Amino acid sequence: MSGLYEGLSGAGGLRTEGHSKQNIANYNAEVAEKQAKAEELRANFNQIQQEKEAQRIRGRLSANIGAAGGSGSPVALDIKLEQAKELELENLLIGYEGEVKSQRLKNQAVLDRLQGELYHTAGHNAARAANVGFGIKLASFAMPFLGGLGGASSSLPKVGTVSSSAGAMYARY
């Protein structure tokens, strides 16, 4: 019976819509998490590639300084140290940028899941509201037919009637 009632009230469709939107949000969250993992792997790969390039640069620099005959000078050492700092900073920057992108995607995944929960809750709330609204319509439609079925009588007067004491009171004026 609840299936028929939910079908007539439209609640089933609203609940299903909420679940569907939640499933889409959860799928988006999974995609974002996979992209985050890919960003981490990409950053690690780029750091490894940059480190290999840094070794080549350091080797060329040492060879060029040696060929110029200045490998023992303090200036040559300063150049090597400065180059090493720049290469290390570049490597750290690659890692940091990858981490920032990855974290942004992880945060998006969390937000997608929260949005999915909101869709789920909104679907259930809309279904409840549809059921209540439909129930009120059914009750208001059935009231005229239920009045004469021997239900409990009310001590209140029927609409449009006046009790004898109230009628007498109004008759004086």
N, C-alpha and C. Protein backbone atom coordinates (compact mmCIF):
# COMPACT_ATOMS: atom_id res chain seq x y z
N MET A 1 0.83 -1.19 0.00
CA MET A 1 0.00 0.00 0.00
C MET A 1 0.87 1.25 0.00
N SER A 2 2.00 1.22 0.75
CA SER A 2 2.85 2.42 0.79
C SER A 2 3.45 2.69 -0.57
N GLY A 3 3.69 1.65 -1.37
CA GLY A 3 4.21 1.85 -2.71
C GLY A 3 3.22 2.61 -3.58
N LEU A 4 1.96 2.23 -3.49
CA LEU A 4 0.91 2.92 -4.24
C LEU A 4 0.76 4.35 -3.74
N TYR A 5 0.75 4.50 -2.43
CA TYR A 5 0.60 5.83 -1.84
C TYR A 5 1.76 6.73 -2.26
N GLU A 6 2.99 6.19 -2.18
CA GLU A 6 4.17 6.98 -2.58
C GLU A 6 4.13 7.28 -4.07
N GLY A 7 3.60 6.37 -4.85
CA GLY A 7 3.49 6.62 -6.28
C GLY A 7 2.49 7.72 -6.58
N LEU A 8 1.37 7.70 -5.88
CA LEU A 8 0.34 8.72 -6.09
C LEU A 8 0.78 10.08 -5.56
N SER A 9 1.51 10.09 -4.48
CA SER A 9 1.94 11.37 -3.89
C SER A 9 3.15 11.95 -4.62
N GLY A 10 3.85 11.11 -5.37
CA GLY A 10 5.06 11.58 -6.05
C GLY A 10 6.31 11.46 -5.18
N ALA A 11 6.16 10.95 -3.97
CA ALA A 11 7.28 10.87 -3.03
C ALA A 11 8.36 9.92 -3.52
N GLY A 12 7.95 8.82 -4.14
CA GLY A 12 8.94 7.85 -4.62
C GLY A 12 9.88 8.46 -5.63
N GLY A 13 9.33 9.24 -6.54
CA GLY A 13 10.17 9.90 -7.54
C GLY A 13 11.11 10.91 -6.92
N LEU A 14 10.64 11.65 -5.94
CA LEU A 14 11.49 12.63 -5.27
C LEU A 14 12.62 11.96 -4.51
N ARG A 15 12.29 10.85 -3.87
CA ARG A 15 13.31 10.11 -3.12
C ARG A 15 14.35 9.53 -4.09
N THR A 16 13.87 8.99 -5.20
CA THR A 16 14.76 8.43 -6.22
C THR A 16 15.66 9.51 -6.81
N GLU A 17 15.09 10.68 -7.06
CA GLU A 17 15.89 11.79 -7.59
C GLU A 17 17.01 12.17 -6.62
N GLY A 18 16.69 12.21 -5.32
CA GLY A 18 17.71 12.51 -4.31
C GLY A 18 18.82 11.47 -4.30
N HIS A 19 18.43 10.19 -4.42
CA HIS A 19 19.44 9.11 -4.46
C HIS A 19 20.29 9.22 -5.72
N SER A 20 19.66 9.52 -6.84
CA SER A 20 20.41 9.64 -8.10
C SER A 20 21.42 10.77 -8.02
N LYS A 21 20.99 11.91 -7.50
CA LYS A 21 21.91 13.04 -7.37
C LYS A 21 23.05 12.71 -6.41
N GLN A 22 22.74 11.97 -5.35
CA GLN A 22 23.78 11.56 -4.42
C GLN A 22 24.78 10.63 -5.11
N ASN A 23 24.28 9.70 -5.92
CA ASN A 23 25.17 8.79 -6.64
C ASN A 23 26.08 9.55 -7.59
N ILE A 24 25.54 10.56 -8.26
CA ILE A 24 26.36 11.37 -9.17
C ILE A 24 27.43 12.12 -8.38
N ALA A 25 27.05 12.69 -7.25
CA ALA A 25 28.02 13.41 -6.42
C ALA A 25 29.10 12.47 -5.90
N ASN A 26 28.72 11.27 -5.51
CA ASN A 26 29.72 10.29 -5.05
C ASN A 26 30.66 9.88 -6.19
N TYR A 27 30.11 9.74 -7.39
CA TYR A 27 30.95 9.43 -8.55
C TYR A 27 31.95 10.57 -8.79
N ASN A 28 31.46 11.81 -8.73
CA ASN A 28 32.35 12.96 -8.91
C ASN A 28 33.44 12.97 -7.85
N ALA A 29 33.10 12.58 -6.63
CA ALA A 29 34.09 12.52 -5.55
C ALA A 29 35.16 11.47 -5.86
N GLU A 30 34.73 10.33 -6.37
CA GLU A 30 35.71 9.28 -6.72
C GLU A 30 36.64 9.76 -7.84
N VAL A 31 36.07 10.46 -8.82
CA VAL A 31 36.89 10.99 -9.91
C VAL A 31 37.91 11.98 -9.36
N ALA A 32 37.46 12.87 -8.47
CA ALA A 32 38.37 13.86 -7.89
C ALA A 32 39.48 13.19 -7.09
N GLU A 33 39.15 12.13 -6.36
CA GLU A 33 40.18 11.42 -5.59
C GLU A 33 41.19 10.74 -6.52
N LYS A 34 40.72 10.19 -7.62
CA LYS A 34 41.65 9.58 -8.58
C LYS A 34 42.52 10.64 -9.24
N GLN A 35 41.95 11.80 -9.52
CA GLN A 35 42.74 12.89 -10.08
C GLN A 35 43.78 13.37 -9.07
N ALA A 36 43.41 13.38 -7.80
CA ALA A 36 44.36 13.79 -6.75
C ALA A 36 45.54 12.82 -6.71
N LYS A 37 45.24 11.54 -6.78
CA LYS A 37 46.32 10.54 -6.79
C LYS A 37 47.19 10.72 -8.03
N ALA A 38 46.56 10.99 -9.17
CA ALA A 38 47.33 11.21 -10.40
C ALA A 38 48.22 12.44 -10.28
N GLU A 39 47.73 13.49 -9.63
CA GLU A 39 48.55 14.70 -9.41
C GLU A 39 49.76 14.40 -8.53
N GLU A 40 49.55 13.59 -7.50
CA GLU A 40 50.67 13.20 -6.64
C GLU A 40 51.71 12.42 -7.43
N LEU A 41 51.25 11.47 -8.24
CA LEU A 41 52.18 10.66 -9.05
C LEU A 41 52.90 11.54 -10.08
N ARG A 42 52.15 12.45 -10.70
CA ARG A 42 52.75 13.35 -11.68
C ARG A 42 53.83 14.22 -11.03
N ALA A 43 53.52 14.75 -9.86
CA ALA A 43 54.50 15.59 -9.16
C ALA A 43 55.74 14.79 -8.79
N ASN A 44 55.54 13.56 -8.31
CA ASN A 44 56.70 12.70 -7.98
C ASN A 44 57.53 12.43 -9.23
N PHE A 45 56.87 12.11 -10.32
CA PHE A 45 57.59 11.86 -11.57
C PHE A 45 58.36 13.10 -12.01
N ASN A 46 57.68 14.26 -11.96
CA ASN A 46 58.34 15.51 -12.37
C ASN A 46 59.54 15.84 -11.46
N GLN A 47 59.41 15.53 -10.18
CA GLN A 47 60.54 15.76 -9.28
C GLN A 47 61.72 14.85 -9.64
N ILE A 48 61.44 13.61 -9.97
CA ILE A 48 62.51 12.68 -10.35
C ILE A 48 63.17 13.16 -11.65
N GLN A 49 62.34 13.58 -12.60
CA GLN A 49 62.88 14.08 -13.87
C GLN A 49 63.71 15.35 -13.64
N GLN A 50 63.23 16.22 -12.77
CA GLN A 50 63.96 17.46 -12.48
C GLN A 50 65.27 17.15 -11.79
N GLU A 51 65.27 16.17 -10.90
CA GLU A 51 66.51 15.80 -10.20
C GLU A 51 67.54 15.24 -11.18
N LYS A 52 67.08 14.45 -12.15
CA LYS A 52 68.01 13.94 -13.17
C LYS A 52 68.58 15.10 -13.99
N GLU A 53 67.72 16.05 -14.35
CA GLU A 53 68.19 17.23 -15.10
C GLU A 53 69.14 18.05 -14.24
N ALA A 54 68.85 18.17 -12.96
CA ALA A 54 69.74 18.91 -12.04
C ALA A 54 71.12 18.27 -11.99
N GLN A 55 71.17 16.94 -11.97
CA GLN A 55 72.48 16.26 -11.98
C GLN A 55 73.26 16.57 -13.26
N ARG A 56 72.54 16.58 -14.38
CA ARG A 56 73.20 16.91 -15.65
C ARG A 56 73.71 18.36 -15.63
N ILE A 57 72.89 19.27 -15.11
CA ILE A 57 73.31 20.68 -15.04
C ILE A 57 74.53 20.84 -14.15
N ARG A 58 74.51 20.19 -12.97
CA ARG A 58 75.65 20.27 -12.07
C ARG A 58 76.91 19.70 -12.72
N GLY A 59 76.74 18.61 -13.44
CA GLY A 59 77.89 18.00 -14.13
C GLY A 59 78.45 18.92 -15.20
N ARG A 60 77.56 19.53 -16.00
CA ARG A 60 78.03 20.46 -17.03
C ARG A 60 78.71 21.67 -16.41
N LEU A 61 78.13 22.18 -15.31
CA LEU A 61 78.71 23.33 -14.63
C LEU A 61 80.11 23.00 -14.12
N SER A 62 80.26 21.83 -13.49
CA SER A 62 81.59 21.43 -12.98
C SER A 62 82.58 21.28 -14.13
N ALA A 63 82.10 20.69 -15.22
CA ALA A 63 82.98 20.51 -16.38
C ALA A 63 83.39 21.85 -16.98
N ASN A 64 82.47 22.76 -17.09
CA ASN A 64 82.77 24.09 -17.65
C ASN A 64 83.73 24.87 -16.74
N ILE A 65 83.49 24.77 -15.44
CA ILE A 65 84.39 25.48 -14.51
C ILE A 65 85.77 24.86 -14.56
N GLY A 66 85.83 23.51 -14.60
CA GLY A 66 87.12 22.81 -14.69
C GLY A 66 87.84 23.14 -15.98
N ALA A 67 87.11 23.21 -17.08
CA ALA A 67 87.73 23.53 -18.36
C ALA A 67 88.28 24.95 -18.38
N ALA A 68 87.64 25.82 -17.59
CA ALA A 68 88.11 27.21 -17.53
C ALA A 68 89.27 27.35 -16.56
N GLY A 69 89.58 26.27 -15.83
CA GLY A 69 90.71 26.30 -14.92
C GLY A 69 90.38 26.90 -13.57
N GLY A 70 89.13 27.07 -13.25
CA GLY A 70 88.79 27.72 -11.98
C GLY A 70 88.11 26.82 -10.99
N SER A 71 88.33 25.48 -11.05
CA SER A 71 87.59 24.57 -10.18
C SER A 71 87.96 24.72 -8.71
N GLY A 72 89.09 25.27 -8.39
CA GLY A 72 89.50 25.41 -6.99
C GLY A 72 89.24 26.79 -6.43
N SER A 73 88.73 27.69 -7.19
CA SER A 73 88.54 29.06 -6.71
C SER A 73 87.28 29.18 -5.86
N PRO A 74 87.26 30.17 -4.93
CA PRO A 74 86.06 30.39 -4.12
C PRO A 74 84.87 30.83 -4.97
N VAL A 75 85.10 31.51 -6.06
CA VAL A 75 84.00 31.94 -6.94
C VAL A 75 83.34 30.72 -7.56
N ALA A 76 84.12 29.76 -7.99
CA ALA A 76 83.57 28.54 -8.58
C ALA A 76 82.71 27.79 -7.55
N LEU A 77 83.19 27.72 -6.32
CA LEU A 77 82.42 27.07 -5.27
C LEU A 77 81.11 27.81 -5.03
N ASP A 78 81.14 29.14 -5.00
CA ASP A 78 79.92 29.93 -4.82
C ASP A 78 78.93 29.68 -5.96
N ILE A 79 79.44 29.60 -7.18
CA ILE A 79 78.57 29.34 -8.33
C ILE A 79 77.91 27.97 -8.20
N LYS A 80 78.69 26.97 -7.82
CA LYS A 80 78.15 25.61 -7.64
C LYS A 80 77.09 25.59 -6.53
N LEU A 81 77.37 26.25 -5.42
CA LEU A 81 76.40 26.28 -4.31
C LEU A 81 75.11 27.00 -4.70
N GLU A 82 75.26 28.11 -5.40
CA GLU A 82 74.08 28.87 -5.83
C GLU A 82 73.24 28.04 -6.79
N GLN A 83 73.90 27.38 -7.72
CA GLN A 83 73.19 26.53 -8.68
C GLN A 83 72.48 25.38 -7.95
N ALA A 84 73.13 24.79 -6.99
CA ALA A 84 72.53 23.68 -6.21
C ALA A 84 71.29 24.16 -5.47
N LYS A 85 71.36 25.37 -4.88
CA LYS A 85 70.19 25.93 -4.17
C LYS A 85 69.02 26.14 -5.13
N GLU A 86 69.30 26.70 -6.29
CA GLU A 86 68.24 26.95 -7.26
C GLU A 86 67.60 25.65 -7.74
N LEU A 87 68.41 24.65 -7.99
CA LEU A 87 67.88 23.37 -8.45
C LEU A 87 67.05 22.70 -7.35
N GLU A 88 67.51 22.78 -6.12
CA GLU A 88 66.75 22.20 -5.00
C GLU A 88 65.43 22.94 -4.82
N LEU A 89 65.47 24.25 -4.92
CA LEU A 89 64.25 25.06 -4.79
C LEU A 89 63.25 24.70 -5.89
N GLU A 90 63.74 24.52 -7.10
CA GLU A 90 62.87 24.13 -8.21
C GLU A 90 62.21 22.78 -7.93
N ASN A 91 62.98 21.85 -7.39
CA ASN A 91 62.46 20.53 -7.08
C ASN A 91 61.39 20.60 -6.00
N LEU A 92 61.65 21.39 -4.98
CA LEU A 92 60.67 21.56 -3.90
C LEU A 92 59.40 22.22 -4.41
N LEU A 93 59.54 23.17 -5.30
CA LEU A 93 58.39 23.86 -5.87
C LEU A 93 57.51 22.90 -6.68
N ILE A 94 58.14 22.02 -7.43
CA ILE A 94 57.39 21.01 -8.18
C ILE A 94 56.56 20.15 -7.22
N GLY A 95 57.19 19.71 -6.13
CA GLY A 95 56.49 18.91 -5.13
C GLY A 95 55.36 19.67 -4.46
N TYR A 96 55.62 20.92 -4.13
CA TYR A 96 54.61 21.74 -3.46
C TYR A 96 53.40 21.97 -4.37
N GLU A 97 53.66 22.32 -5.63
CA GLU A 97 52.54 22.55 -6.56
C GLU A 97 51.71 21.29 -6.75
N GLY A 98 52.38 20.14 -6.83
CA GLY A 98 51.65 18.88 -6.94
C GLY A 98 50.81 18.60 -5.71
N GLU A 99 51.37 18.89 -4.54
CA GLU A 99 50.63 18.67 -3.29
C GLU A 99 49.42 19.60 -3.21
N VAL A 100 49.59 20.85 -3.62
CA VAL A 100 48.47 21.80 -3.58
C VAL A 100 47.36 21.34 -4.51
N LYS A 101 47.70 20.93 -5.73
CA LYS A 101 46.68 20.45 -6.68
C LYS A 101 45.99 19.20 -6.13
N SER A 102 46.78 18.30 -5.58
CA SER A 102 46.22 17.08 -5.02
C SER A 102 45.27 17.39 -3.87
N GLN A 103 45.68 18.26 -2.97
CA GLN A 103 44.83 18.61 -1.83
C GLN A 103 43.55 19.30 -2.27
N ARG A 104 43.65 20.15 -3.29
CA ARG A 104 42.45 20.82 -3.81
C ARG A 104 41.45 19.78 -4.33
N LEU A 105 41.95 18.78 -5.03
CA LEU A 105 41.08 17.73 -5.55
C LEU A 105 40.50 16.87 -4.43
N LYS A 106 41.29 16.60 -3.41
CA LYS A 106 40.77 15.84 -2.25
C LYS A 106 39.68 16.64 -1.54
N ASN A 107 39.89 17.94 -1.40
CA ASN A 107 38.87 18.79 -0.79
C ASN A 107 37.60 18.79 -1.63
N GLN A 108 37.76 18.82 -2.95
CA GLN A 108 36.59 18.77 -3.83
C GLN A 108 35.84 17.46 -3.65
N ALA A 109 36.57 16.37 -3.46
CA ALA A 109 35.92 15.08 -3.23
C ALA A 109 35.08 15.11 -1.95
N VAL A 110 35.62 15.72 -0.92
CA VAL A 110 34.87 15.83 0.35
C VAL A 110 33.62 16.68 0.14
N LEU A 111 33.77 17.79 -0.56
CA LEU A 111 32.61 18.65 -0.84
C LEU A 111 31.57 17.93 -1.69
N ASP A 112 32.03 17.15 -2.67
CA ASP A 112 31.08 16.39 -3.50
C ASP A 112 30.30 15.40 -2.66
N ARG A 113 30.97 14.73 -1.75
CA ARG A 113 30.26 13.77 -0.89
C ARG A 113 29.27 14.47 0.03
N LEU A 114 29.67 15.61 0.58
CA LEU A 114 28.74 16.37 1.42
C LEU A 114 27.53 16.83 0.62
N GLN A 115 27.78 17.28 -0.61
CA GLN A 115 26.68 17.70 -1.48
C GLN A 115 25.75 16.52 -1.76
N GLY A 116 26.35 15.34 -1.95
CA GLY A 116 25.54 14.14 -2.15
C GLY A 116 24.65 13.84 -0.96
N GLU A 117 25.20 14.00 0.24
CA GLU A 117 24.38 13.81 1.44
C GLU A 117 23.23 14.81 1.49
N LEU A 118 23.52 16.04 1.09
CA LEU A 118 22.46 17.06 1.07
C LEU A 118 21.37 16.69 0.05
N TYR A 119 21.78 16.21 -1.13
CA TYR A 119 20.80 15.77 -2.13
C TYR A 119 19.96 14.63 -1.58
N HIS A 120 20.61 13.69 -0.91
CA HIS A 120 19.91 12.54 -0.34
C HIS A 120 18.87 13.01 0.69
N THR A 121 19.30 13.88 1.59
CA THR A 121 18.39 14.40 2.62
C THR A 121 17.27 15.22 2.00
N ALA A 122 17.61 16.05 1.02
CA ALA A 122 16.58 16.87 0.36
C ALA A 122 15.54 15.99 -0.33
N GLY A 123 15.99 14.90 -0.94
CA GLY A 123 15.06 13.97 -1.58
C GLY A 123 14.11 13.35 -0.57
N HIS A 124 14.64 12.93 0.57
CA HIS A 124 13.78 12.35 1.61
C HIS A 124 12.82 13.40 2.18
N ASN A 125 13.32 14.61 2.41
CA ASN A 125 12.44 15.66 2.94
C ASN A 125 11.35 16.02 1.94
N ALA A 126 11.69 16.10 0.68
CA ALA A 126 10.69 16.40 -0.35
C ALA A 126 9.66 15.27 -0.43
N ALA A 127 10.12 14.03 -0.28
CA ALA A 127 9.20 12.89 -0.30
C ALA A 127 8.25 12.95 0.89
N ARG A 128 8.78 13.28 2.06
CA ARG A 128 7.91 13.41 3.24
C ARG A 128 6.87 14.51 3.03
N ALA A 129 7.33 15.63 2.50
CA ALA A 129 6.41 16.75 2.26
C ALA A 129 5.34 16.35 1.25
N ALA A 130 5.71 15.62 0.22
CA ALA A 130 4.74 15.17 -0.77
C ALA A 130 3.74 14.21 -0.15
N ASN A 131 4.21 13.31 0.71
CA ASN A 131 3.31 12.38 1.39
C ASN A 131 2.34 13.12 2.30
N VAL A 132 2.84 14.08 3.04
CA VAL A 132 1.97 14.85 3.94
C VAL A 132 0.95 15.63 3.12
N GLY A 133 1.41 16.30 2.08
CA GLY A 133 0.49 17.07 1.24
C GLY A 133 -0.57 16.20 0.61
N PHE A 134 -0.17 15.03 0.14
CA PHE A 134 -1.12 14.10 -0.46
C PHE A 134 -2.10 13.59 0.59
N GLY A 135 -1.60 13.32 1.80
CA GLY A 135 -2.46 12.87 2.88
C GLY A 135 -3.49 13.92 3.25
N ILE A 136 -3.07 15.18 3.28
CA ILE A 136 -4.01 16.26 3.59
C ILE A 136 -5.07 16.36 2.50
N LYS A 137 -4.67 16.23 1.25
CA LYS A 137 -5.66 16.27 0.15
C LYS A 137 -6.64 15.12 0.27
N LEU A 138 -6.13 13.92 0.58
CA LEU A 138 -7.02 12.77 0.74
C LEU A 138 -7.99 12.99 1.90
N ALA A 139 -7.47 13.49 3.01
CA ALA A 139 -8.32 13.70 4.18
C ALA A 139 -9.38 14.76 3.89
N SER A 140 -9.02 15.83 3.22
CA SER A 140 -10.01 16.87 2.94
C SER A 140 -11.04 16.38 1.93
N PHE A 141 -10.64 15.51 1.04
CA PHE A 141 -11.57 14.95 0.07
C PHE A 141 -12.53 13.98 0.76
N ALA A 142 -12.04 13.21 1.73
CA ALA A 142 -12.84 12.17 2.37
C ALA A 142 -13.71 12.69 3.49
N MET A 143 -13.44 13.86 4.04
CA MET A 143 -14.19 14.35 5.20
C MET A 143 -15.71 14.40 4.97
N PRO A 144 -16.19 14.92 3.86
CA PRO A 144 -17.65 14.96 3.69
C PRO A 144 -18.28 13.58 3.67
N PHE A 145 -17.54 12.59 3.22
CA PHE A 145 -18.09 11.24 3.14
C PHE A 145 -18.01 10.50 4.46
N LEU A 146 -17.11 10.91 5.35
CA LEU A 146 -16.92 10.21 6.61
C LEU A 146 -17.81 10.75 7.71
N GLY A 147 -18.46 11.88 7.52
CA GLY A 147 -19.27 12.52 8.55
C GLY A 147 -20.43 11.67 9.02
N GLY A 148 -21.11 10.95 8.17
CA GLY A 148 -22.30 10.19 8.56
C GLY A 148 -22.04 8.72 8.77
N LEU A 149 -20.85 8.30 9.00
CA LEU A 149 -20.55 6.88 9.13
C LEU A 149 -20.53 6.40 10.57
N GLY A 150 -21.11 7.13 11.46
CA GLY A 150 -21.21 6.68 12.85
C GLY A 150 -19.96 6.91 13.64
N GLY A 151 -19.15 7.85 13.23
CA GLY A 151 -17.95 8.17 13.98
C GLY A 151 -18.32 8.88 15.26
N ALA A 152 -17.36 9.15 16.09
CA ALA A 152 -17.60 9.83 17.36
C ALA A 152 -18.16 11.22 17.07
N SER A 153 -19.21 11.56 17.79
CA SER A 153 -19.81 12.88 17.55
C SER A 153 -19.09 13.90 18.42
N SER A 154 -19.02 15.07 17.91
CA SER A 154 -18.32 16.14 18.60
C SER A 154 -19.28 16.90 19.49
N SER A 155 -18.76 17.49 20.56
CA SER A 155 -19.60 18.32 21.43
C SER A 155 -19.72 19.72 20.85
N LEU A 156 -18.92 20.02 19.82
CA LEU A 156 -19.03 21.32 19.18
C LEU A 156 -20.22 21.32 18.23
N PRO A 157 -20.88 22.44 18.09
CA PRO A 157 -22.00 22.49 17.16
C PRO A 157 -21.49 22.40 15.72
N LYS A 158 -22.34 21.87 14.85
CA LYS A 158 -21.98 21.77 13.45
C LYS A 158 -21.88 23.17 12.88
N VAL A 159 -21.08 23.33 11.87
CA VAL A 159 -20.90 24.63 11.23
C VAL A 159 -22.25 25.08 10.69
N GLY A 160 -22.59 26.30 10.95
CA GLY A 160 -23.85 26.85 10.45
C GLY A 160 -25.00 26.71 11.43
N THR A 161 -24.80 26.10 12.59
CA THR A 161 -25.87 25.97 13.58
C THR A 161 -25.49 26.81 14.79
N VAL A 162 -26.48 27.17 15.52
CA VAL A 162 -26.28 27.98 16.72
C VAL A 162 -26.95 27.25 17.87
N SER A 163 -26.24 27.17 18.99
CA SER A 163 -26.85 26.51 20.14
C SER A 163 -28.02 27.36 20.63
N SER A 164 -28.93 26.77 21.38
CA SER A 164 -30.13 27.48 21.82
C SER A 164 -29.78 28.64 22.75
N SER A 165 -28.81 28.49 23.63
CA SER A 165 -28.46 29.58 24.53
C SER A 165 -27.80 30.71 23.75
N ALA A 166 -26.99 30.38 22.77
CA ALA A 166 -26.36 31.42 21.96
C ALA A 166 -27.41 32.11 21.12
N GLY A 167 -28.41 31.35 20.61
CA GLY A 167 -29.47 31.95 19.80
C GLY A 167 -30.32 32.90 20.63
N ALA A 168 -30.57 32.52 21.87
CA ALA A 168 -31.36 33.37 22.74
C ALA A 168 -30.62 34.64 23.05
N MET A 169 -29.30 34.53 23.20
CA MET A 169 -28.50 35.70 23.50
C MET A 169 -28.54 36.67 22.33
N TYR A 170 -28.43 36.14 21.12
CA TYR A 170 -28.43 37.02 19.95
C TYR A 170 -29.83 37.57 19.68
N ALA A 171 -30.86 36.88 20.10
CA ALA A 171 -32.24 37.31 19.85
C ALA A 171 -32.56 38.59 20.61
N ARG A 172 -31.90 38.82 21.71
CA ARG A 172 -32.16 40.01 22.50
C ARG A 172 -31.70 41.26 21.81
N TYR A 173 -30.79 41.22 20.92
CA TYR A 173 -30.23 42.41 20.31
C TYR A 173 -30.85 42.72 19.02
